[in-house]
C-alpha atoms as a PDB file:
ATOM      1  CA  MET A   1      50.301  15.201 -27.624  1.00  0.00           C
ATOM      2  CA  THR A   2      48.406  13.422 -30.390  1.00  0.00           C
ATOM      3  CA  PRO A   3      49.078  14.166 -34.070  1.00  0.00           C
ATOM      4  CA  GLU A   4      45.617  15.786 -34.253  1.00  0.00           C
ATOM      5  CA  LEU A   5      46.441  18.348 -31.563  1.00  0.00           C
ATOM      6  CA  GLN A   6      49.924  18.928 -32.981  1.00  0.00           C
ATOM      7  CA  LYS A   7      48.367  19.682 -36.381  1.00  0.00           C
ATOM      8  CA  LEU A   8      45.914  22.136 -34.786  1.00  0.00           C
ATOM      9  CA  TRP A   9      48.823  23.948 -33.104  1.00  0.00           C
ATOM     10  CA  GLU A  10      50.618  24.179 -36.445  1.00  0.00           C
ATOM     11  CA  ARG A  11      47.515  25.436 -38.267  1.00  0.00           C
ATOM     12  CA  THR A  12      46.871  27.996 -35.506  1.00  0.00           C
ATOM     13  CA  GLU A  13      50.442  29.298 -35.671  1.00  0.00           C
ATOM     14  CA  ALA A  14      50.159  29.521 -39.482  1.00  0.00           C
ATOM     15  CA  ASN A  15      47.003  31.680 -39.067  1.00  0.00           C
ATOM     16  CA  ASP A  16      44.793  29.151 -40.841  1.00  0.00           C
ATOM     17  CA  PRO A  17      41.396  30.920 -41.230  1.00  0.00           C
ATOM     18  CA  ASN A  18      39.588  27.613 -40.648  1.00  0.00           C
ATOM     19  CA  VAL A  19      41.067  27.071 -37.172  1.00  0.00           C
ATOM     20  CA  GLU A  20      40.157  29.212 -34.155  1.00  0.00           C
ATOM     21  CA  GLN A  21      42.015  28.701 -30.886  1.00  0.00           C
ATOM     22  CA  VAL A  22      40.533  29.981 -27.619  1.00  0.00           C
ATOM     23  CA  SER A  23      43.057  30.757 -24.887  1.00  0.00           C
ATOM     24  CA  MET A  24      42.332  30.977 -21.160  1.00  0.00           C
ATOM     25  CA  ASN A  25      39.955  33.760 -20.110  1.00  0.00           C
ATOM     26  CA  GLN A  26      38.896  34.337 -23.703  1.00  0.00           C
ATOM     27  CA  GLY A  27      36.120  33.379 -26.073  1.00  0.00           C
ATOM     28  CA  SER A  28      35.545  33.213 -29.813  1.00  0.00           C
ATOM     29  CA  SER A  29      33.112  31.936 -32.423  1.00  0.00           C
ATOM     30  CA  VAL A  30      33.043  30.333 -35.853  1.00  0.00           C
ATOM     31  CA  GLU A  31      30.346  30.047 -38.488  1.00  0.00           C
ATOM     32  CA  VAL A  32      30.125  27.417 -41.212  1.00  0.00           C
ATOM     33  CA  LEU A  33      27.792  27.644 -44.205  1.00  0.00           C
ATOM     34  CA  PRO A  34      26.598  24.584 -46.175  1.00  0.00           C
ATOM     35  CA  ASP A  35      28.477  25.713 -49.297  1.00  0.00           C
ATOM     36  CA  ASP A  36      31.809  26.334 -47.522  1.00  0.00           C
ATOM     37  CA  GLU A  37      34.633  24.225 -48.910  1.00  0.00           C
ATOM     38  CA  GLN A  38      36.300  23.207 -45.631  1.00  0.00           C
ATOM     39  CA  GLU A  39      35.334  22.337 -42.108  1.00  0.00           C
ATOM     40  CA  LYS A  40      36.174  24.793 -39.348  1.00  0.00           C
ATOM     41  CA  VAL A  41      37.659  23.871 -36.001  1.00  0.00           C
ATOM     42  CA  ILE A  42      37.334  25.813 -32.764  1.00  0.00           C
ATOM     43  CA  TRP A  43      39.363  24.488 -29.864  1.00  0.00           C
ATOM     44  CA  THR A  44      40.924  25.152 -26.499  1.00  0.00           C
ATOM     45  CA  TYR A  45      43.441  23.478 -24.222  1.00  0.00           C
ATOM     46  CA  GLY A  46      44.603  23.655 -20.605  1.00  0.00           C
ATOM     47  CA  LEU A  47      41.238  23.055 -18.922  1.00  0.00           C
ATOM     48  CA  GLY A  48      42.812  22.303 -15.558  1.00  0.00           C
ATOM     49  CA  GLY A  49      39.994  23.476 -13.282  1.00  0.00           C
ATOM     50  CA  CYS A  50      38.563  26.006 -15.758  1.00  0.00           C
ATOM     51  CA  PHE A  51      35.141  26.019 -17.386  1.00  0.00           C
ATOM     52  CA  GLY A  52      34.954  25.212 -21.086  1.00  0.00           C
ATOM     53  CA  THR A  53      31.577  26.383 -22.399  1.00  0.00           C
ATOM     54  CA  LEU A  54      30.308  25.624 -25.898  1.00  0.00           C
ATOM     55  CA  VAL A  55      27.139  26.967 -27.510  1.00  0.00           C
ATOM     56  CA  PHE A  56      26.311  25.286 -30.814  1.00  0.00           C
ATOM     57  CA  SER A  57      23.468  26.031 -33.209  1.00  0.00           C
ATOM     58  CA  GLU A  58      22.312  24.928 -36.631  1.00  0.00           C
ATOM     59  CA  ASP A  59      19.483  26.571 -38.581  1.00  0.00           C
ATOM     60  CA  GLU A  60      17.208  25.129 -41.258  1.00  0.00           C
ATOM     61  CA  SER A  61      19.508  26.321 -44.057  1.00  0.00           C
ATOM     62  CA  GLY A  62      22.390  24.307 -42.569  1.00  0.00           C
ATOM     63  CA  ARG A  63      24.302  27.303 -41.182  1.00  0.00           C
ATOM     64  CA  LYS A  64      26.239  26.147 -38.096  1.00  0.00           C
ATOM     65  CA  THR A  65      27.578  28.483 -35.440  1.00  0.00           C
ATOM     66  CA  ALA A  66      29.749  27.646 -32.442  1.00  0.00           C
ATOM     67  CA  VAL A  67      30.706  29.893 -29.531  1.00  0.00           C
ATOM     68  CA  LEU A  68      33.448  28.672 -27.184  1.00  0.00           C
ATOM     69  CA  THR A  69      34.759  30.227 -23.969  1.00  0.00           C
ATOM     70  CA  HIS A  70      37.508  29.104 -21.585  1.00  0.00           C
ATOM     71  CA  PHE A  71      37.532  30.870 -18.222  1.00  0.00           C
ATOM     72  CA  ASP A  72      38.848  30.138 -14.760  1.00  0.00           C
ATOM     73  CA  PRO A  73      36.105  29.654 -12.136  1.00  0.00           C
ATOM     74  CA  LEU A  74      36.908  32.961 -10.415  1.00  0.00           C
ATOM     75  CA  SER A  75      36.068  34.887 -13.610  1.00  0.00           C
ATOM     76  CA  ILE A  76      32.446  33.778 -13.843  1.00  0.00           C
ATOM     77  CA  SER A  77      31.118  37.311 -14.508  1.00  0.00           C
ATOM     78  CA  ALA A  78      33.613  37.863 -17.320  1.00  0.00           C
ATOM     79  CA  ASN A  79      32.709  34.438 -18.748  1.00  0.00           C
ATOM     80  CA  LYS A  80      28.974  35.239 -18.728  1.00  0.00           C
ATOM     81  CA  ASN A  81      29.623  38.635 -20.321  1.00  0.00           C
ATOM     82  CA  GLU A  82      31.745  37.077 -23.061  1.00  0.00           C
ATOM     83  CA  LEU A  83      29.100  34.433 -23.766  1.00  0.00           C
ATOM     84  CA  ARG A  84      26.423  37.151 -24.057  1.00  0.00           C
ATOM     85  CA  ARG A  85      28.641  39.267 -26.327  1.00  0.00           C
ATOM     86  CA  LEU A  86      29.442  36.358 -28.638  1.00  0.00           C
ATOM     87  CA  ILE A  87      25.823  35.217 -28.861  1.00  0.00           C
ATOM     88  CA  LYS A  88      24.663  38.758 -29.656  1.00  0.00           C
ATOM     89  CA  SER A  89      27.356  39.137 -32.324  1.00  0.00           C
ATOM     90  CA  ASN A  90      26.116  35.928 -33.991  1.00  0.00           C
ATOM     91  CA  PRO A  91      22.380  36.565 -34.519  1.00  0.00           C
ATOM     92  CA  ALA A  92      21.917  33.262 -36.399  1.00  0.00           C
ATOM     93  CA  ILE A  93      22.269  31.452 -33.058  1.00  0.00           C
ATOM     94  CA  LYS A  94      19.044  32.977 -31.734  1.00  0.00           C
ATOM     95  CA  THR A  95      16.975  32.014 -34.783  1.00  0.00           C
ATOM     96  CA  SER A  96      18.343  28.475 -35.116  1.00  0.00           C
ATOM     97  CA  ASN A  97      16.073  25.495 -34.631  1.00  0.00           C
ATOM     98  CA  LYS A  98      18.855  23.368 -33.068  1.00  0.00           C
ATOM     99  CA  GLN A  99      20.719  24.775 -30.081  1.00  0.00           C
ATOM    100  CA  SER A 100      22.998  22.930 -27.652  1.00  0.00           C
ATOM    101  CA  ILE A 101      25.076  23.911 -24.634  1.00  0.00           C
ATOM    102  CA  LEU A 102      28.034  21.863 -23.417  1.00  0.00           C
ATOM    103  CA  VAL A 103      29.739  22.884 -20.164  1.00  0.00           C
ATOM    104  CA  LEU A 104      32.949  21.173 -19.016  1.00  0.00           C
ATOM    105  CA  GLY A 105      33.911  21.759 -15.396  1.00  0.00           C
ATOM    106  CA  ALA A 106      36.167  20.230 -12.756  1.00  0.00           C
ATOM    107  CA  GLN A 107      34.506  17.267 -11.066  1.00  0.00           C
ATOM    108  CA  GLY A 108      33.295  16.967  -7.537  1.00  0.00           C
ATOM    109  CA  TYR A 109      31.092  14.480  -5.705  1.00  0.00           C
ATOM    110  CA  GLU A 110      27.778  14.817  -3.950  1.00  0.00           C
ATOM    111  CA  GLN A 111      25.882  12.271  -1.916  1.00  0.00           C
ATOM    112  CA  ASN A 112      22.424  11.519  -3.253  1.00  0.00           C
ATOM    113  CA  PRO A 113      20.042  11.956  -0.274  1.00  0.00           C
ATOM    114  CA  GLU A 114      17.717   9.202  -1.510  1.00  0.00           C
ATOM    115  CA  THR A 115      20.206   6.494  -2.492  1.00  0.00           C
ATOM    116  CA  ARG A 116      23.038   7.607  -0.151  1.00  0.00           C
ATOM    117  CA  GLN A 117      25.396   6.913  -3.085  1.00  0.00           C
ATOM    118  CA  TRP A 118      28.119   9.366  -4.054  1.00  0.00           C
ATOM    119  CA  GLU A 119      27.550  10.811  -7.534  1.00  0.00           C
ATOM    120  CA  GLN A 120      29.990  12.585  -9.815  1.00  0.00           C
ATOM    121  CA  LYS A 121      29.042  16.140 -10.784  1.00  0.00           C
ATOM    122  CA  ILE A 122      30.651  19.454 -11.592  1.00  0.00           C
ATOM    123  CA  ARG A 123      32.334  20.625  -8.392  1.00  0.00           C
ATOM    124  CA  ASP A 124      31.225  24.238  -8.744  1.00  0.00           C
ATOM    125  CA  GLN A 125      27.679  23.431  -9.848  1.00  0.00           C
ATOM    126  CA  GLN A 126      26.338  26.858  -8.891  1.00  0.00           C
ATOM    127  CA  LYS A 127      28.739  28.571 -11.304  1.00  0.00           C
ATOM    128  CA  ALA A 128      27.966  26.056 -14.059  1.00  0.00           C
ATOM    129  CA  ASP A 129      24.271  26.808 -13.541  1.00  0.00           C
ATOM    130  CA  MET A 130      25.011  30.548 -13.779  1.00  0.00           C
ATOM    131  CA  LEU A 131      26.652  30.004 -17.176  1.00  0.00           C
ATOM    132  CA  VAL A 132      23.705  27.961 -18.443  1.00  0.00           C
ATOM    133  CA  THR A 133      21.219  30.544 -17.132  1.00  0.00           C
ATOM    134  CA  ALA A 134      23.104  33.381 -18.869  1.00  0.00           C
ATOM    135  CA  ILE A 135      22.947  31.482 -22.166  1.00  0.00           C
ATOM    136  CA  GLN A 136      19.284  30.577 -21.711  1.00  0.00           C
ATOM    137  CA  ALA A 137      18.505  34.243 -21.026  1.00  0.00           C
ATOM    138  CA  GLU A 138      19.737  34.937 -24.572  1.00  0.00           C
ATOM    139  CA  LEU A 139      18.356  31.851 -26.343  1.00  0.00           C
ATOM    140  CA  GLY A 140      15.367  30.676 -24.313  1.00  0.00           C
ATOM    141  CA  GLN A 141      14.713  27.652 -22.139  1.00  0.00           C
ATOM    142  CA  ASP A 142      14.429  25.065 -24.935  1.00  0.00           C
ATOM    143  CA  VAL A 143      18.192  24.768 -25.403  1.00  0.00           C
ATOM    144  CA  GLU A 144      19.619  21.276 -24.860  1.00  0.00           C
ATOM    145  CA  VAL A 145      22.126  21.322 -21.960  1.00  0.00           C
ATOM    146  CA  LYS A 146      24.880  18.811 -21.206  1.00  0.00           C
ATOM    147  CA  LEU A 147      27.193  19.176 -18.203  1.00  0.00           C
ATOM    148  CA  GLU A 148      30.395  17.123 -18.210  1.00  0.00           C
ATOM    149  CA  PRO A 149      32.583  16.951 -15.097  1.00  0.00           C
ATOM    150  CA  TYR A 150      36.252  16.151 -15.620  1.00  0.00           C
ATOM    151  CA  SER A 151      39.074  14.992 -13.396  1.00  0.00           C
ATOM    152  CA  GLU A 152      41.886  17.443 -12.685  1.00  0.00           C
ATOM    153  CA  LYS A 153      44.337  14.646 -11.922  1.00  0.00           C
ATOM    154  CA  GLN A 154      47.323  14.819 -14.237  1.00  0.00           C
ATOM    155  CA  ASN A 155      48.001  11.531 -15.945  1.00  0.00           C
ATOM    156  CA  ALA A 156      51.058  11.059 -18.140  1.00  0.00           C
ATOM    157  CA  MET A 157      49.212   8.372 -20.100  1.00  0.00           C
ATOM    158  CA  THR A 158      46.264  10.629 -20.963  1.00  0.00           C
ATOM    159  CA  LYS A 159      46.709  12.238 -24.357  1.00  0.00           C
ATOM    160  CA  ASP A 160      45.581  15.827 -24.993  1.00  0.00           C
ATOM    161  CA  GLN A 161      44.519  16.298 -21.375  1.00  0.00           C
ATOM    162  CA  GLY A 162      42.628  19.563 -20.907  1.00  0.00           C
ATOM    163  CA  SER A 163      41.590  19.928 -24.563  1.00  0.00           C
ATOM    164  CA  LEU A 164      38.203  20.492 -26.183  1.00  0.00           C
ATOM    165  CA  ILE A 165      38.137  20.254 -29.981  1.00  0.00           C
ATOM    166  CA  VAL A 166      35.000  21.056 -31.981  1.00  0.00           C
ATOM    167  CA  ARG A 167      34.897  20.136 -35.679  1.00  0.00           C
ATOM    168  CA  ILE A 168      32.183  21.685 -37.834  1.00  0.00           C
ATOM    169  CA  PRO A 169      31.914  20.431 -41.426  1.00  0.00           C
ATOM    170  CA  PRO A 170      29.832  22.291 -44.032  1.00  0.00           C
ATOM    171  CA  LYS A 171      27.699  19.179 -44.448  1.00  0.00           C
ATOM    172  CA  GLY A 172      27.210  16.418 -41.927  1.00  0.00           C
ATOM    173  CA  GLN A 173      27.342  16.289 -38.164  1.00  0.00           C
ATOM    174  CA  ALA A 174      29.422  18.637 -36.022  1.00  0.00           C
ATOM    175  CA  THR A 175      31.402  16.783 -33.352  1.00  0.00           C
ATOM    176  CA  TYR A 176      33.324  17.500 -30.189  1.00  0.00           C
ATOM    177  CA  ARG A 177      36.141  15.596 -28.524  1.00  0.00           C
ATOM    178  CA  THR A 178      37.754  15.999 -25.143  1.00  0.00           C
ATOM    179  CA  TRP A 179      40.463  13.910 -23.526  1.00  0.00           C
ATOM    180  CA  PHE A 180      37.757  11.786 -21.864  1.00  0.00           C
ATOM    181  CA  SER A 181      34.676  11.905 -24.108  1.00  0.00           C
ATOM    182  CA  GLN A 182      33.291  12.693 -27.523  1.00  0.00           C
ATOM    183  CA  GLY A 183      29.908  13.294 -29.088  1.00  0.00           C
ATOM    184  CA  GLN A 184      27.825  14.868 -31.818  1.00  0.00           C
ATOM    185  CA  LEU A 185      26.317  18.345 -31.763  1.00  0.00           C
ATOM    186  CA  GLY A 186      22.963  19.385 -33.166  1.00  0.00           C
ATOM    187  CA  LYS A 187      21.662  15.873 -33.664  1.00  0.00           C
ATOM    188  CA  THR A 188      18.290  15.727 -35.359  1.00  0.00           C
ATOM    189  CA  ASP A 189      16.819  13.206 -32.922  1.00  0.00           C
ATOM    190  CA  LYS A 190      15.002  15.528 -30.539  1.00  0.00           C
ATOM    191  CA  ASN A 191      17.806  18.092 -30.933  1.00  0.00           C
ATOM    192  CA  ARG A 192      19.974  16.309 -28.372  1.00  0.00           C
ATOM    193  CA  ILE A 193      23.710  16.295 -28.011  1.00  0.00           C
ATOM    194  CA  GLY A 194      24.978  12.794 -28.830  1.00  0.00           C
ATOM    195  CA  GLU A 195      25.479  10.276 -26.105  1.00  0.00           C
ATOM    196  CA  LEU A 196      29.051   9.875 -24.905  1.00  0.00           C
ATOM    197  CA  LYS A 197      31.078   7.186 -26.557  1.00  0.00           C
ATOM    198  CA  GLU A 198      34.149   5.570 -25.097  1.00  0.00           C
ATOM    199  CA  ASP A 199      37.369   6.101 -27.050  1.00  0.00           C
END
């Protein structure tokens, strides 16, 4: 476990109001205003086959909202219902001019019929699409969507495996980090989630 994740555990156990942990088969949200004094962090761990779904928005005033769910693939209906509930309880998401969806799911492979090459994708693509469709039903079709497949193989050398950490500062760019990727949320260049960068 990295010092960053250890610190998040400690802050969660100390009931730090700026840290929100999402356990399996649960969801939560955080909101950050431009005049807040501290960044807020929403995070989850143990994504070993589960879906991690993040909805991020930022409005013209700089208000940032993040909704995060962590559900096993058999609980897709409960996951969709929780996403709808959290979006409805955060009305600023619907009126924001920047909206992004990030879905993490266990990886699978599919052969491209044109190139005959095997391509990495989310193994349960139909369920990932159902999550995206449920969110788009609330927010509209213009939401930026990024799907990230991940390996379920356990690797003793991989730090913080199964974690998704979202940091939202009052000013500046919100970011996410997993054990295999990282990026920016709500980028101003065509409202796209940042390209993946190697650690």
